[in-house]
Amino acid sequence: MKTSRTMTATAAVALITVVCGGCSSSTKTTAPASTSPAATSTATSTTSASGSPSATSTSTGSASPTAAATGAAVVGAATAGKYQNILVDSQGKTLYLFEADTSPTSTCYDACATAWPPLLTTGTPTATNGVDQAKITTTARKDGTSQVVYNGHPLYHFEGDTAKGDTNGEESSAFGAKWYVVNVSGNKVEGD
């Protein structure tokens, strides 16, 4: 009986190892950012499919950057791979604009905001490391949270960026339009 249990347990561990071994994704990554802004709180959150924000700071292994909405966002500039002077948050995570946003008001909610979490703030956002403070504003989201806007573009993270300096969302087409990294001038950056 003991041998049977041992064999069953060994088989279960082997099965879990095989199944979980195939669970990792192979996404393109770029070199980490060579310059990052000062490390201060970034108020980001994910939004559930129902549209309500989740402001938890527990790590679930999710690729989307999450943090408790506890302070003002910081927007800085960094070099990520071939992209120079692009906008990043205080953790060095790349920020994007969504071409469907034709005004400072966000059009990305529900599943869109889960895949592309908005850069949220609970205070006045701060510019650092070459970013123009005069170009930073905020916009109210439907749930009452405040999203950071740069040069008229609401800013977002990408759930596929798992590390500082990743730009996996660059030129992605999702939710009806394209997504681009943003340079310090406040314009989209195109081209591979």
N, C-alpha and C. Protein backbone atom coordinates (compact mmCIF):
# COMPACT_ATOMS: atom_id res chain seq x y z
N MET A 1 0.83 -1.19 0.00
CA MET A 1 0.00 0.00 0.00
C MET A 1 0.87 1.25 0.00
N LYS A 2 1.98 1.25 0.83
CA LYS A 2 2.87 2.39 0.90
C LYS A 2 3.54 2.63 -0.44
N THR A 3 3.94 1.58 -1.14
CA THR A 3 4.56 1.71 -2.46
C THR A 3 3.58 2.29 -3.46
N SER A 4 2.32 1.89 -3.38
CA SER A 4 1.30 2.41 -4.28
C SER A 4 1.10 3.91 -4.09
N ARG A 5 1.08 4.37 -2.81
CA ARG A 5 0.93 5.80 -2.53
C ARG A 5 2.14 6.58 -3.02
N THR A 6 3.32 6.03 -2.82
CA THR A 6 4.55 6.69 -3.25
C THR A 6 4.56 6.83 -4.77
N MET A 7 4.16 5.77 -5.46
CA MET A 7 4.13 5.82 -6.93
C MET A 7 3.07 6.82 -7.40
N THR A 8 1.92 6.87 -6.73
CA THR A 8 0.86 7.81 -7.09
C THR A 8 1.34 9.24 -6.86
N ALA A 9 1.99 9.50 -5.74
CA ALA A 9 2.49 10.84 -5.44
C ALA A 9 3.56 11.25 -6.45
N THR A 10 4.45 10.32 -6.78
CA THR A 10 5.50 10.60 -7.76
C THR A 10 4.90 10.90 -9.12
N ALA A 11 3.89 10.15 -9.51
CA ALA A 11 3.22 10.38 -10.80
C ALA A 11 2.53 11.73 -10.81
N ALA A 12 1.92 12.11 -9.68
CA ALA A 12 1.23 13.41 -9.60
C ALA A 12 2.23 14.55 -9.72
N VAL A 13 3.36 14.44 -9.05
CA VAL A 13 4.39 15.48 -9.13
C VAL A 13 4.92 15.57 -10.56
N ALA A 14 5.15 14.45 -11.19
CA ALA A 14 5.64 14.45 -12.57
C ALA A 14 4.62 15.10 -13.51
N LEU A 15 3.34 14.80 -13.32
CA LEU A 15 2.29 15.38 -14.14
C LEU A 15 2.22 16.89 -13.95
N ILE A 16 2.29 17.35 -12.71
CA ILE A 16 2.26 18.79 -12.43
C ILE A 16 3.46 19.47 -13.07
N THR A 17 4.63 18.84 -12.96
CA THR A 17 5.84 19.40 -13.56
C THR A 17 5.69 19.53 -15.07
N VAL A 18 5.15 18.52 -15.72
CA VAL A 18 4.97 18.56 -17.17
C VAL A 18 3.96 19.64 -17.55
N VAL A 19 2.83 19.69 -16.84
CA VAL A 19 1.79 20.67 -17.16
C VAL A 19 2.29 22.08 -16.90
N CYS A 20 2.86 22.32 -15.73
CA CYS A 20 3.32 23.67 -15.40
C CYS A 20 4.54 24.08 -16.22
N GLY A 21 5.33 23.14 -16.62
CA GLY A 21 6.49 23.46 -17.46
C GLY A 21 6.07 24.06 -18.77
N GLY A 22 4.90 23.72 -19.26
CA GLY A 22 4.40 24.28 -20.51
C GLY A 22 3.60 25.55 -20.33
N CYS A 23 3.48 26.01 -19.07
CA CYS A 23 2.66 27.18 -18.79
C CYS A 23 3.36 28.50 -19.05
N SER A 24 4.66 28.50 -19.10
CA SER A 24 5.34 29.78 -19.27
C SER A 24 5.16 30.27 -20.70
N SER A 25 5.10 31.59 -20.82
CA SER A 25 4.94 32.17 -22.14
C SER A 25 6.29 32.61 -22.65
N SER A 26 6.42 32.64 -23.94
CA SER A 26 7.66 33.14 -24.52
C SER A 26 7.35 34.42 -25.25
N THR A 27 7.50 35.52 -24.53
CA THR A 27 7.24 36.82 -25.13
C THR A 27 8.55 37.51 -25.39
N LYS A 28 8.56 38.32 -26.41
CA LYS A 28 9.72 39.09 -26.78
C LYS A 28 9.99 40.10 -25.68
N THR A 29 11.24 40.21 -25.27
CA THR A 29 11.61 41.24 -24.32
C THR A 29 12.73 42.06 -24.91
N THR A 30 12.89 43.23 -24.38
CA THR A 30 13.96 44.09 -24.83
C THR A 30 14.90 44.35 -23.67
N ALA A 31 15.98 45.00 -23.96
CA ALA A 31 16.94 45.30 -22.91
C ALA A 31 16.31 46.16 -21.85
N PRO A 32 16.73 45.98 -20.60
CA PRO A 32 16.15 46.80 -19.54
C PRO A 32 16.49 48.27 -19.72
N ALA A 33 15.65 49.10 -19.16
CA ALA A 33 15.86 50.54 -19.26
C ALA A 33 17.19 50.90 -18.63
N SER A 34 17.96 51.74 -19.32
CA SER A 34 19.26 52.12 -18.79
C SER A 34 19.15 53.27 -17.82
N THR A 35 18.09 54.00 -17.88
CA THR A 35 17.88 55.12 -16.96
C THR A 35 16.46 55.03 -16.45
N SER A 36 16.30 55.14 -15.14
CA SER A 36 14.94 55.10 -14.61
C SER A 36 14.72 56.29 -13.70
N PRO A 37 13.48 56.74 -13.61
CA PRO A 37 13.19 57.87 -12.73
C PRO A 37 13.31 57.46 -11.28
N ALA A 38 13.26 58.44 -10.43
CA ALA A 38 13.37 58.19 -8.99
C ALA A 38 12.28 57.23 -8.55
N ALA A 39 12.63 56.36 -7.63
CA ALA A 39 11.68 55.35 -7.18
C ALA A 39 10.73 55.97 -6.15
N THR A 40 9.53 56.27 -6.59
CA THR A 40 8.48 56.73 -5.71
C THR A 40 7.23 55.99 -6.08
N SER A 41 6.19 56.17 -5.32
CA SER A 41 4.95 55.43 -5.55
C SER A 41 4.34 55.74 -6.89
N THR A 42 3.90 54.71 -7.57
CA THR A 42 3.11 54.87 -8.77
C THR A 42 1.76 54.28 -8.45
N ALA A 43 0.74 55.03 -8.67
CA ALA A 43 -0.60 54.54 -8.36
C ALA A 43 -1.19 53.94 -9.61
N THR A 44 -1.05 52.64 -9.73
CA THR A 44 -1.64 51.95 -10.85
C THR A 44 -2.58 50.90 -10.30
N SER A 45 -3.51 50.50 -11.14
CA SER A 45 -4.39 49.43 -10.72
C SER A 45 -4.89 48.71 -11.94
N THR A 46 -5.40 47.53 -11.70
CA THR A 46 -6.04 46.81 -12.79
C THR A 46 -7.53 47.04 -12.67
N THR A 47 -8.22 46.80 -13.74
CA THR A 47 -9.66 46.96 -13.73
C THR A 47 -10.27 45.63 -14.11
N SER A 48 -11.23 45.19 -13.35
CA SER A 48 -11.88 43.92 -13.62
C SER A 48 -12.80 44.06 -14.83
N ALA A 49 -13.28 42.94 -15.30
CA ALA A 49 -14.17 42.96 -16.46
C ALA A 49 -15.43 43.76 -16.18
N SER A 50 -15.79 43.90 -14.91
CA SER A 50 -16.98 44.68 -14.58
C SER A 50 -16.71 46.18 -14.59
N GLY A 51 -15.41 46.54 -14.71
CA GLY A 51 -15.06 47.94 -14.77
C GLY A 51 -14.68 48.52 -13.42
N SER A 52 -14.71 47.71 -12.35
CA SER A 52 -14.34 48.25 -11.04
C SER A 52 -12.85 48.04 -10.81
N PRO A 53 -12.17 49.05 -10.24
CA PRO A 53 -10.73 48.94 -10.07
C PRO A 53 -10.37 48.00 -8.94
N SER A 54 -9.23 47.39 -9.06
CA SER A 54 -8.69 46.54 -8.02
C SER A 54 -7.41 47.17 -7.53
N ALA A 55 -7.40 47.65 -6.33
CA ALA A 55 -6.23 48.34 -5.81
C ALA A 55 -5.53 47.46 -4.79
N THR A 56 -5.09 46.29 -5.21
CA THR A 56 -4.39 45.41 -4.32
C THR A 56 -2.92 45.41 -4.67
N SER A 57 -2.10 45.09 -3.70
CA SER A 57 -0.68 45.07 -3.95
C SER A 57 -0.13 43.66 -3.81
N THR A 58 -0.98 42.67 -3.84
CA THR A 58 -0.50 41.30 -3.75
C THR A 58 0.03 40.86 -5.10
N SER A 59 1.05 40.05 -5.08
CA SER A 59 1.66 39.58 -6.30
C SER A 59 1.02 38.26 -6.69
N THR A 60 0.44 38.23 -7.89
CA THR A 60 -0.21 37.03 -8.35
C THR A 60 0.51 36.41 -9.53
N GLY A 61 1.64 36.99 -9.90
CA GLY A 61 2.34 36.48 -11.06
C GLY A 61 1.79 37.08 -12.34
N SER A 62 0.83 37.94 -12.22
CA SER A 62 0.24 38.58 -13.39
C SER A 62 1.25 39.51 -14.02
N ALA A 63 1.18 39.67 -15.32
CA ALA A 63 2.11 40.53 -16.02
C ALA A 63 1.75 41.99 -15.89
N SER A 64 0.53 42.31 -15.48
CA SER A 64 0.15 43.71 -15.40
C SER A 64 0.66 44.32 -14.11
N PRO A 65 1.22 45.52 -14.23
CA PRO A 65 1.74 46.16 -13.03
C PRO A 65 0.59 46.63 -12.14
N THR A 66 0.63 46.26 -10.87
CA THR A 66 -0.40 46.70 -9.95
C THR A 66 0.26 47.26 -8.70
N ALA A 67 -0.39 48.21 -8.09
CA ALA A 67 0.07 48.77 -6.82
C ALA A 67 -1.12 49.42 -6.15
N ALA A 68 -1.05 49.50 -4.86
CA ALA A 68 -2.11 50.19 -4.14
C ALA A 68 -2.09 51.66 -4.55
N ALA A 69 -3.25 52.22 -4.76
CA ALA A 69 -3.34 53.62 -5.16
C ALA A 69 -3.07 54.47 -3.93
N THR A 70 -1.79 54.71 -3.66
CA THR A 70 -1.41 55.37 -2.42
C THR A 70 -0.71 56.70 -2.62
N GLY A 71 -0.54 57.18 -3.82
CA GLY A 71 0.16 58.43 -3.99
C GLY A 71 0.12 58.93 -5.41
N ALA A 72 0.88 59.97 -5.61
CA ALA A 72 0.94 60.58 -6.93
C ALA A 72 1.86 59.79 -7.85
N ALA A 73 1.44 59.66 -9.09
CA ALA A 73 2.25 58.95 -10.09
C ALA A 73 3.46 59.79 -10.47
N VAL A 74 4.51 59.10 -10.88
CA VAL A 74 5.72 59.74 -11.38
C VAL A 74 5.93 59.27 -12.81
N VAL A 75 6.17 60.22 -13.71
CA VAL A 75 6.43 59.88 -15.10
C VAL A 75 7.84 60.37 -15.43
N GLY A 76 8.67 59.45 -15.90
CA GLY A 76 10.04 59.78 -16.25
C GLY A 76 10.35 59.31 -17.65
N ALA A 77 11.59 59.47 -18.06
CA ALA A 77 12.05 59.03 -19.37
C ALA A 77 13.16 58.02 -19.20
N ALA A 78 13.25 57.09 -20.14
CA ALA A 78 14.29 56.07 -20.11
C ALA A 78 14.57 55.59 -21.52
N THR A 79 15.64 54.85 -21.68
CA THR A 79 15.94 54.17 -22.92
C THR A 79 15.62 52.70 -22.71
N ALA A 80 14.83 52.14 -23.61
CA ALA A 80 14.45 50.73 -23.53
C ALA A 80 14.76 50.10 -24.88
N GLY A 81 15.81 49.31 -24.94
CA GLY A 81 16.22 48.72 -26.21
C GLY A 81 16.58 49.82 -27.19
N LYS A 82 15.94 49.81 -28.34
CA LYS A 82 16.22 50.82 -29.37
C LYS A 82 15.43 52.11 -29.18
N TYR A 83 14.53 52.13 -28.20
CA TYR A 83 13.70 53.31 -27.98
C TYR A 83 14.36 54.22 -26.95
N GLN A 84 14.67 55.43 -27.35
CA GLN A 84 15.32 56.38 -26.46
C GLN A 84 14.34 57.43 -25.98
N ASN A 85 14.50 57.83 -24.74
CA ASN A 85 13.67 58.88 -24.15
C ASN A 85 12.18 58.62 -24.28
N ILE A 86 11.77 57.41 -23.87
CA ILE A 86 10.33 57.10 -23.85
C ILE A 86 9.82 57.20 -22.42
N LEU A 87 8.52 57.37 -22.28
CA LEU A 87 7.92 57.54 -20.97
C LEU A 87 7.84 56.21 -20.22
N VAL A 88 8.20 56.29 -18.94
CA VAL A 88 8.12 55.14 -18.04
C VAL A 88 7.56 55.62 -16.70
N ASP A 89 7.07 54.67 -15.91
CA ASP A 89 6.60 55.02 -14.57
C ASP A 89 7.78 54.98 -13.59
N SER A 90 7.51 55.14 -12.31
CA SER A 90 8.58 55.19 -11.31
C SER A 90 9.33 53.87 -11.16
N GLN A 91 8.74 52.79 -11.66
CA GLN A 91 9.39 51.48 -11.61
C GLN A 91 10.14 51.15 -12.91
N GLY A 92 10.15 52.09 -13.86
CA GLY A 92 10.82 51.85 -15.13
C GLY A 92 9.97 51.09 -16.13
N LYS A 93 8.67 50.91 -15.82
CA LYS A 93 7.77 50.19 -16.73
C LYS A 93 7.30 51.14 -17.82
N THR A 94 7.33 50.68 -19.05
CA THR A 94 6.97 51.46 -20.22
C THR A 94 5.52 51.91 -20.19
N LEU A 95 5.29 53.13 -20.66
CA LEU A 95 3.94 53.69 -20.76
C LEU A 95 3.56 53.84 -22.22
N TYR A 96 2.27 53.65 -22.52
CA TYR A 96 1.77 53.64 -23.89
C TYR A 96 0.61 54.61 -24.07
N LEU A 97 0.38 54.98 -25.33
CA LEU A 97 -0.84 55.70 -25.71
C LEU A 97 -1.67 54.76 -26.57
N PHE A 98 -2.97 55.04 -26.63
CA PHE A 98 -3.94 54.24 -27.38
C PHE A 98 -4.52 55.14 -28.46
N GLU A 99 -4.36 54.76 -29.73
CA GLU A 99 -4.83 55.62 -30.82
C GLU A 99 -6.33 55.84 -30.83
N ALA A 100 -7.09 54.98 -30.18
CA ALA A 100 -8.54 55.18 -30.11
C ALA A 100 -8.91 56.36 -29.21
N ASP A 101 -7.98 56.75 -28.34
CA ASP A 101 -8.20 57.93 -27.50
C ASP A 101 -7.91 59.17 -28.33
N THR A 102 -8.94 59.82 -28.83
CA THR A 102 -8.76 61.00 -29.68
C THR A 102 -8.87 62.30 -28.89
N SER A 103 -8.99 62.17 -27.57
CA SER A 103 -9.01 63.32 -26.67
C SER A 103 -8.35 62.86 -25.37
N PRO A 104 -8.21 63.74 -24.39
CA PRO A 104 -7.64 63.32 -23.11
C PRO A 104 -8.51 62.36 -22.31
N THR A 105 -9.71 62.07 -22.79
CA THR A 105 -10.61 61.15 -22.11
C THR A 105 -10.36 59.73 -22.60
N SER A 106 -10.16 58.80 -21.67
CA SER A 106 -9.88 57.41 -22.01
C SER A 106 -11.10 56.71 -22.60
N THR A 107 -10.84 55.83 -23.57
CA THR A 107 -11.88 54.97 -24.13
C THR A 107 -11.63 53.50 -23.78
N CYS A 108 -10.63 53.25 -22.94
CA CYS A 108 -10.22 51.88 -22.59
C CYS A 108 -10.78 51.49 -21.23
N TYR A 109 -11.78 50.59 -21.26
CA TYR A 109 -12.42 50.10 -20.04
C TYR A 109 -12.60 48.60 -20.12
N ASP A 110 -13.03 48.00 -19.05
CA ASP A 110 -13.36 46.58 -18.96
C ASP A 110 -12.17 45.71 -19.39
N ALA A 111 -12.35 44.83 -20.37
CA ALA A 111 -11.27 43.93 -20.79
C ALA A 111 -10.07 44.71 -21.30
N CYS A 112 -10.32 45.82 -21.95
CA CYS A 112 -9.23 46.67 -22.44
C CYS A 112 -8.36 47.14 -21.27
N ALA A 113 -8.98 47.63 -20.21
CA ALA A 113 -8.23 48.14 -19.06
C ALA A 113 -7.56 47.03 -18.25
N THR A 114 -8.00 45.80 -18.44
CA THR A 114 -7.32 44.67 -17.81
C THR A 114 -6.02 44.38 -18.56
N ALA A 115 -6.09 44.38 -19.88
CA ALA A 115 -4.90 44.13 -20.70
C ALA A 115 -3.96 45.34 -20.73
N TRP A 116 -4.53 46.54 -20.65
CA TRP A 116 -3.78 47.79 -20.71
C TRP A 116 -4.16 48.65 -19.50
N PRO A 117 -3.64 48.33 -18.32
CA PRO A 117 -4.03 49.07 -17.11
C PRO A 117 -3.65 50.55 -17.22
N PRO A 118 -4.59 51.43 -16.92
CA PRO A 118 -4.29 52.86 -16.97
C PRO A 118 -3.30 53.26 -15.87
N LEU A 119 -2.50 54.27 -16.13
CA LEU A 119 -1.63 54.83 -15.10
C LEU A 119 -2.49 55.76 -14.26
N LEU A 120 -2.77 55.35 -13.03
CA LEU A 120 -3.64 56.10 -12.14
C LEU A 120 -2.81 56.89 -11.13
N THR A 121 -3.42 57.92 -10.58
CA THR A 121 -2.77 58.73 -9.57
C THR A 121 -3.80 59.19 -8.55
N THR A 122 -3.35 59.37 -7.31
CA THR A 122 -4.25 59.91 -6.29
C THR A 122 -3.85 61.33 -5.91
N GLY A 123 -2.87 61.86 -6.57
CA GLY A 123 -2.42 63.23 -6.35
C GLY A 123 -1.93 63.80 -7.66
N THR A 124 -1.27 64.94 -7.59
CA THR A 124 -0.74 65.57 -8.79
C THR A 124 0.46 64.78 -9.29
N PRO A 125 0.40 64.27 -10.53
CA PRO A 125 1.53 63.50 -11.07
C PRO A 125 2.78 64.39 -11.20
N THR A 126 3.93 63.77 -11.09
CA THR A 126 5.19 64.48 -11.13
C THR A 126 6.03 64.01 -12.31
N ALA A 127 6.67 64.97 -12.98
CA ALA A 127 7.60 64.67 -14.07
C ALA A 127 9.01 64.59 -13.50
N THR A 128 9.81 63.70 -14.06
CA THR A 128 11.21 63.57 -13.66
C THR A 128 12.03 63.12 -14.86
N ASN A 129 13.33 63.28 -14.76
CA ASN A 129 14.27 62.72 -15.72
C ASN A 129 13.99 63.13 -17.16
N GLY A 130 13.78 64.41 -17.41
CA GLY A 130 13.62 64.92 -18.78
C GLY A 130 12.19 65.01 -19.28
N VAL A 131 11.23 64.66 -18.46
CA VAL A 131 9.82 64.74 -18.85
C VAL A 131 9.31 66.15 -18.52
N ASP A 132 8.47 66.70 -19.42
CA ASP A 132 7.95 68.05 -19.28
C ASP A 132 6.73 68.09 -18.36
N GLN A 133 6.89 68.67 -17.18
CA GLN A 133 5.79 68.76 -16.20
C GLN A 133 4.57 69.46 -16.79
N ALA A 134 4.79 70.43 -17.67
CA ALA A 134 3.67 71.19 -18.26
C ALA A 134 2.79 70.32 -19.15
N LYS A 135 3.29 69.18 -19.60
CA LYS A 135 2.50 68.29 -20.47
C LYS A 135 1.72 67.25 -19.69
N ILE A 136 1.90 67.21 -18.37
CA ILE A 136 1.21 66.21 -17.55
C ILE A 136 -0.07 66.80 -16.99
N THR A 137 -1.18 66.10 -17.25
CA THR A 137 -2.47 66.45 -16.68
C THR A 137 -3.13 65.15 -16.22
N THR A 138 -4.38 65.23 -15.83
CA THR A 138 -5.13 64.03 -15.46
C THR A 138 -6.51 64.09 -16.09
N THR A 139 -7.16 62.95 -16.15
CA THR A 139 -8.53 62.86 -16.62
C THR A 139 -9.30 61.95 -15.69
N ALA A 140 -10.56 62.24 -15.49
CA ALA A 140 -11.41 61.41 -14.63
C ALA A 140 -11.90 60.21 -15.43
N ARG A 141 -11.77 59.03 -14.84
CA ARG A 141 -12.31 57.81 -15.44
C ARG A 141 -13.74 57.60 -14.95
N LYS A 142 -14.48 56.72 -15.61
CA LYS A 142 -15.87 56.47 -15.27
C LYS A 142 -16.06 56.04 -13.82
N ASP A 143 -15.06 55.37 -13.25
CA ASP A 143 -15.17 54.90 -11.88
C ASP A 143 -14.72 55.94 -10.85
N GLY A 144 -14.38 57.14 -11.32
CA GLY A 144 -13.99 58.21 -10.41
C GLY A 144 -12.50 58.30 -10.14
N THR A 145 -11.71 57.33 -10.63
CA THR A 145 -10.27 57.40 -10.44
C THR A 145 -9.68 58.43 -11.41
N SER A 146 -8.45 58.80 -11.16
CA SER A 146 -7.78 59.82 -11.95
C SER A 146 -6.65 59.19 -12.75
N GLN A 147 -6.71 59.32 -14.08
CA GLN A 147 -5.70 58.75 -14.97
C GLN A 147 -4.74 59.83 -15.43
N VAL A 148 -3.45 59.48 -15.51
CA VAL A 148 -2.44 60.42 -15.95
C VAL A 148 -2.52 60.57 -17.47
N VAL A 149 -2.41 61.82 -17.93
CA VAL A 149 -2.44 62.17 -19.35
C VAL A 149 -1.15 62.92 -19.66
N TYR A 150 -0.53 62.60 -20.80
CA TYR A 150 0.69 63.32 -21.21
C TYR A 150 0.49 63.85 -22.62
N ASN A 151 0.62 65.14 -22.77
CA ASN A 151 0.44 65.81 -24.07
C ASN A 151 -0.90 65.43 -24.71
N GLY A 152 -1.93 65.30 -23.90
CA GLY A 152 -3.26 64.98 -24.40
C GLY A 152 -3.55 63.50 -24.56
N HIS A 153 -2.59 62.62 -24.22
CA HIS A 153 -2.77 61.18 -24.38
C HIS A 153 -2.88 60.50 -23.01
N PRO A 154 -4.01 59.85 -22.71
CA PRO A 154 -4.08 59.03 -21.50
C PRO A 154 -2.98 57.95 -21.57
N LEU A 155 -2.35 57.67 -20.44
CA LEU A 155 -1.23 56.72 -20.42
C LEU A 155 -1.64 55.38 -19.81
N TYR A 156 -1.04 54.32 -20.35
CA TYR A 156 -1.35 52.95 -19.96
C TYR A 156 -0.08 52.12 -19.83
N HIS A 157 -0.17 51.06 -19.03
CA HIS A 157 0.83 50.01 -19.00
C HIS A 157 0.35 48.91 -19.95
N PHE A 158 1.17 47.88 -20.16
CA PHE A 158 0.77 46.71 -20.94
C PHE A 158 1.01 45.47 -20.09
N GLU A 159 -0.01 44.61 -19.98
CA GLU A 159 0.13 43.42 -19.14
C GLU A 159 1.23 42.48 -19.63
N GLY A 160 1.61 42.56 -20.88
CA GLY A 160 2.67 41.71 -21.42
C GLY A 160 4.07 42.20 -21.11
N ASP A 161 4.20 43.36 -20.50
CA ASP A 161 5.50 43.88 -20.06
C ASP A 161 5.70 43.42 -18.62
N THR A 162 6.60 42.48 -18.44
CA THR A 162 6.80 41.92 -17.11
C THR A 162 8.00 42.49 -16.38
N ALA A 163 8.87 43.18 -17.09
CA ALA A 163 10.07 43.71 -16.46
C ALA A 163 10.33 45.14 -16.91
N LYS A 164 11.08 45.84 -16.11
CA LYS A 164 11.51 47.20 -16.43
C LYS A 164 12.18 47.18 -17.81
N GLY A 165 11.77 48.10 -18.68
CA GLY A 165 12.37 48.20 -20.00
C GLY A 165 11.69 47.37 -21.08
N ASP A 166 10.73 46.53 -20.74
CA ASP A 166 10.00 45.76 -21.76
C ASP A 166 9.15 46.71 -22.59
N THR A 167 9.07 46.45 -23.88
CA THR A 167 8.22 47.24 -24.79
C THR A 167 7.40 46.29 -25.67
N ASN A 168 6.89 45.24 -25.08
CA ASN A 168 6.16 44.21 -25.83
C ASN A 168 4.84 44.70 -26.43
N GLY A 169 4.31 45.81 -25.94
CA GLY A 169 3.05 46.32 -26.45
C GLY A 169 3.21 47.25 -27.66
N GLU A 170 4.44 47.62 -27.98
CA GLU A 170 4.69 48.57 -29.07
C GLU A 170 4.07 48.12 -30.38
N GLU A 171 3.29 48.99 -30.98
CA GLU A 171 2.60 48.79 -32.26
C GLU A 171 1.63 47.61 -32.25
N SER A 172 1.15 47.23 -31.07
CA SER A 172 0.13 46.18 -30.98
C SER A 172 -1.20 46.73 -31.47
N SER A 173 -1.99 45.86 -32.06
CA SER A 173 -3.37 46.22 -32.42
C SER A 173 -4.27 45.46 -31.48
N ALA A 174 -5.05 46.19 -30.69
CA ALA A 174 -5.96 45.55 -29.75
C ALA A 174 -7.06 46.53 -29.38
N PHE A 175 -8.26 46.02 -29.24
CA PHE A 175 -9.43 46.81 -28.84
C PHE A 175 -9.72 47.93 -29.82
N GLY A 176 -9.51 47.64 -31.09
CA GLY A 176 -9.93 48.55 -32.15
C GLY A 176 -8.92 49.58 -32.62
N ALA A 177 -7.71 49.57 -32.07
CA ALA A 177 -6.72 50.56 -32.50
C ALA A 177 -5.32 50.08 -32.10
N LYS A 178 -4.32 50.86 -32.48
CA LYS A 178 -2.93 50.52 -32.16
C LYS A 178 -2.47 51.21 -30.88
N TRP A 179 -1.44 50.61 -30.29
CA TRP A 179 -0.81 51.08 -29.06
C TRP A 179 0.65 51.40 -29.36
N TYR A 180 1.13 52.50 -28.80
CA TYR A 180 2.51 52.93 -29.06
C TYR A 180 3.18 53.41 -27.79
N VAL A 181 4.51 53.23 -27.72
CA VAL A 181 5.28 53.88 -26.67
C VAL A 181 5.25 55.38 -26.98
N VAL A 182 5.51 56.19 -25.97
CA VAL A 182 5.40 57.64 -26.08
C VAL A 182 6.75 58.26 -25.79
N ASN A 183 7.18 59.21 -26.64
CA ASN A 183 8.45 59.89 -26.38
C ASN A 183 8.23 61.10 -25.48
N VAL A 184 9.33 61.73 -25.03
CA VAL A 184 9.21 62.86 -24.10
C VAL A 184 8.52 64.06 -24.72
N SER A 185 8.45 64.11 -26.05
CA SER A 185 7.71 65.18 -26.71
C SER A 185 6.21 64.96 -26.60
N GLY A 186 5.83 63.73 -26.25
CA GLY A 186 4.41 63.39 -26.12
C GLY A 186 3.82 62.81 -27.36
N ASN A 187 4.66 62.29 -28.25
CA ASN A 187 4.20 61.70 -29.51
C ASN A 187 4.44 60.19 -29.51
N LYS A 188 3.64 59.48 -30.31
CA LYS A 188 3.85 58.04 -30.44
C LYS A 188 5.17 57.79 -31.15
N VAL A 189 5.77 56.64 -30.86
CA VAL A 189 7.01 56.22 -31.49
C VAL A 189 6.68 55.03 -32.38
N GLU A 190 6.95 55.17 -33.66
CA GLU A 190 6.65 54.10 -34.62
C GLU A 190 7.93 53.48 -35.15
N GLY A 191 7.77 52.26 -35.64
CA GLY A 191 8.85 51.59 -36.36
C GLY A 191 9.65 50.62 -35.53
N ASP A 192 9.90 49.45 -36.12
CA ASP A 192 10.74 48.43 -35.47
C ASP A 192 12.16 48.57 -35.86
